[in-house]
Amino acid sequence: MFELGKSTRTDALYVTTSMEALNGAHFANKTLMAGFTTVRDLGGNPEAIYALRDAVGKRLIPGPRIFSAGSALSATGGHGDIDGVKPQLLKLWTPETICDSPYGCRKATRNAIKMGAD
């Protein structure tokens, strides 16, 4: 969906989901041209990555086959959780797939699959 760079951390403030998907199309083609035919996304913006996955699957755009989890399942404070920003942004950006118990993680997993995760 993107390449790491100086603006990666602030891109969430400026790059729309639509633009993120279009950037993803660019990088999907670049990845395919590098010889990769299948990739996994383990924590992308669900709306953008599912649209990209589906567009590649329908052969609307060139790219490798994509298996996508959408938002990463993670414990509170874990790798997939948001940190280091103002509390107002934490509330906005914390994914619904943050879970802290077997039952909570089962529910988060089922909801992710319901929303389109592979």
Protein backbone atom coordinates (compact mmCIF):
# COMPACT_ATOMS: atom_id res chain seq x y z
CA MET A 1 0.00 0.00 0.00
CA PHE A 2 2.96 2.33 0.58
CA GLU A 3 6.71 2.61 1.00
CA LEU A 4 8.22 3.75 4.27
CA GLY A 5 9.57 7.27 4.11
CA LYS A 6 9.90 10.55 5.97
CA SER A 7 6.18 11.30 5.70
CA THR A 8 4.87 7.81 6.56
CA ARG A 9 3.86 8.75 10.11
CA THR A 10 2.00 11.92 9.07
CA ASP A 11 0.41 10.45 5.91
CA ALA A 12 -2.54 9.28 8.01
CA LEU A 13 -3.44 12.94 8.43
CA TYR A 14 -3.32 13.81 4.74
CA VAL A 15 -3.73 10.74 2.52
CA THR A 16 -7.35 9.73 1.90
CA THR A 17 -8.44 6.10 1.81
CA SER A 18 -9.11 6.49 -1.92
CA MET A 19 -5.59 7.78 -2.52
CA GLU A 20 -4.19 5.01 -0.36
CA ALA A 21 -5.93 2.47 -2.63
CA LEU A 22 -4.55 4.18 -5.74
CA ASN A 23 -1.06 4.19 -4.26
CA GLY A 24 -1.62 0.52 -3.52
CA ALA A 25 -2.43 -0.10 -7.19
CA HIS A 26 0.88 1.48 -8.15
CA PHE A 27 2.80 -0.67 -5.67
CA ALA A 28 0.85 -3.81 -6.60
CA ASN A 29 2.01 -3.43 -10.20
CA LYS A 30 5.56 -2.72 -9.05
CA THR A 31 5.47 -5.84 -6.87
CA LEU A 32 4.14 -7.98 -9.73
CA MET A 33 6.85 -6.67 -12.06
CA ALA A 34 9.44 -7.63 -9.43
CA GLY A 35 8.24 -11.23 -9.82
CA PHE A 36 5.94 -11.69 -6.83
CA THR A 37 2.69 -13.46 -7.78
CA THR A 38 1.14 -13.72 -4.30
CA VAL A 39 1.45 -11.45 -1.25
CA ARG A 40 -0.05 -11.14 2.22
CA ASP A 41 -1.22 -7.92 3.82
CA LEU A 42 -1.28 -8.25 7.59
CA GLY A 43 -2.49 -4.91 8.80
CA GLY A 44 -3.59 -2.55 6.07
CA ASN A 45 -6.46 -0.11 5.96
CA PRO A 46 -9.35 -2.55 5.44
CA GLU A 47 -11.31 -0.42 2.96
CA ALA A 48 -8.27 0.27 0.77
CA ILE A 49 -6.68 -3.19 0.85
CA TYR A 50 -9.93 -5.08 0.24
CA ALA A 51 -10.71 -2.84 -2.76
CA LEU A 52 -7.20 -3.39 -4.08
CA ARG A 53 -7.41 -7.15 -3.52
CA ASP A 54 -10.76 -7.32 -5.29
CA ALA A 55 -9.63 -5.15 -8.22
CA VAL A 56 -6.57 -7.35 -8.75
CA GLY A 57 -8.73 -10.47 -8.42
CA LYS A 58 -11.11 -9.16 -11.11
CA ARG A 59 -8.12 -8.27 -13.29
CA LEU A 60 -9.09 -4.60 -13.33
CA ILE A 61 -5.52 -3.68 -12.40
CA PRO A 62 -2.26 -5.65 -12.57
CA GLY A 63 -0.91 -6.99 -9.32
CA PRO A 64 -0.13 -10.14 -7.39
CA ARG A 65 -2.87 -12.19 -5.73
CA ILE A 66 -3.49 -10.60 -2.32
CA PHE A 67 -4.48 -12.36 0.88
CA SER A 68 -5.52 -9.67 3.32
CA ALA A 69 -6.22 -9.57 7.03
CA GLY A 70 -7.22 -5.92 7.03
CA SER A 71 -6.61 -4.45 10.48
CA ALA A 72 -4.21 -6.55 12.51
CA LEU A 73 -5.50 -8.51 15.48
CA SER A 74 -3.50 -7.27 18.43
CA ALA A 75 -3.61 -6.89 22.20
CA THR A 76 -4.03 -3.44 23.71
CA GLY A 77 -0.61 -1.82 23.48
CA GLY A 78 0.57 -4.51 21.05
CA HIS A 79 2.10 -4.17 17.61
CA GLY A 80 -1.21 -3.51 15.82
CA ASP A 81 -2.44 -0.97 18.37
CA ILE A 82 -2.00 2.78 17.90
CA ASP A 83 0.24 4.75 20.26
CA GLY A 84 2.27 7.91 20.46
CA VAL A 85 -0.46 10.35 19.39
CA LYS A 86 -2.95 12.59 21.18
CA PRO A 87 -5.79 10.81 23.03
CA GLN A 88 -8.33 12.26 20.56
CA LEU A 89 -6.49 10.54 17.71
CA LEU A 90 -6.13 7.30 19.67
CA LYS A 91 -9.91 7.11 19.86
CA LEU A 92 -10.26 7.73 16.12
CA TRP A 93 -7.45 5.47 14.92
CA THR A 94 -7.61 2.45 17.25
CA PRO A 95 -8.78 -0.48 15.11
CA GLU A 96 -11.74 -2.59 16.12
CA THR A 97 -9.47 -5.63 16.02
CA ILE A 98 -7.71 -4.79 19.30
CA CYS A 99 -8.62 -7.53 21.77
CA ASP A 100 -7.44 -8.79 25.15
CA SER A 101 -9.12 -12.12 25.85
CA PRO A 102 -9.82 -15.35 24.00
CA TYR A 103 -13.48 -14.39 23.65
CA GLY A 104 -12.69 -10.81 22.63
CA CYS A 105 -10.18 -11.99 20.02
CA ARG A 106 -12.61 -14.59 18.68
CA LYS A 107 -15.21 -11.87 18.25
CA ALA A 108 -12.68 -9.50 16.63
CA THR A 109 -11.63 -12.27 14.23
CA ARG A 110 -15.20 -13.04 13.25
CA ASN A 111 -15.94 -9.36 12.69
CA ALA A 112 -12.80 -8.98 10.54
CA ILE A 113 -13.87 -11.93 8.40
CA LYS A 114 -17.39 -10.51 8.17
CA MET A 115 -15.91 -7.22 6.90
CA GLY A 116 -13.85 -9.00 4.21
CA ALA A 117 -10.64 -10.39 5.72
CA ASP A 118 -9.22 -13.53 4.21
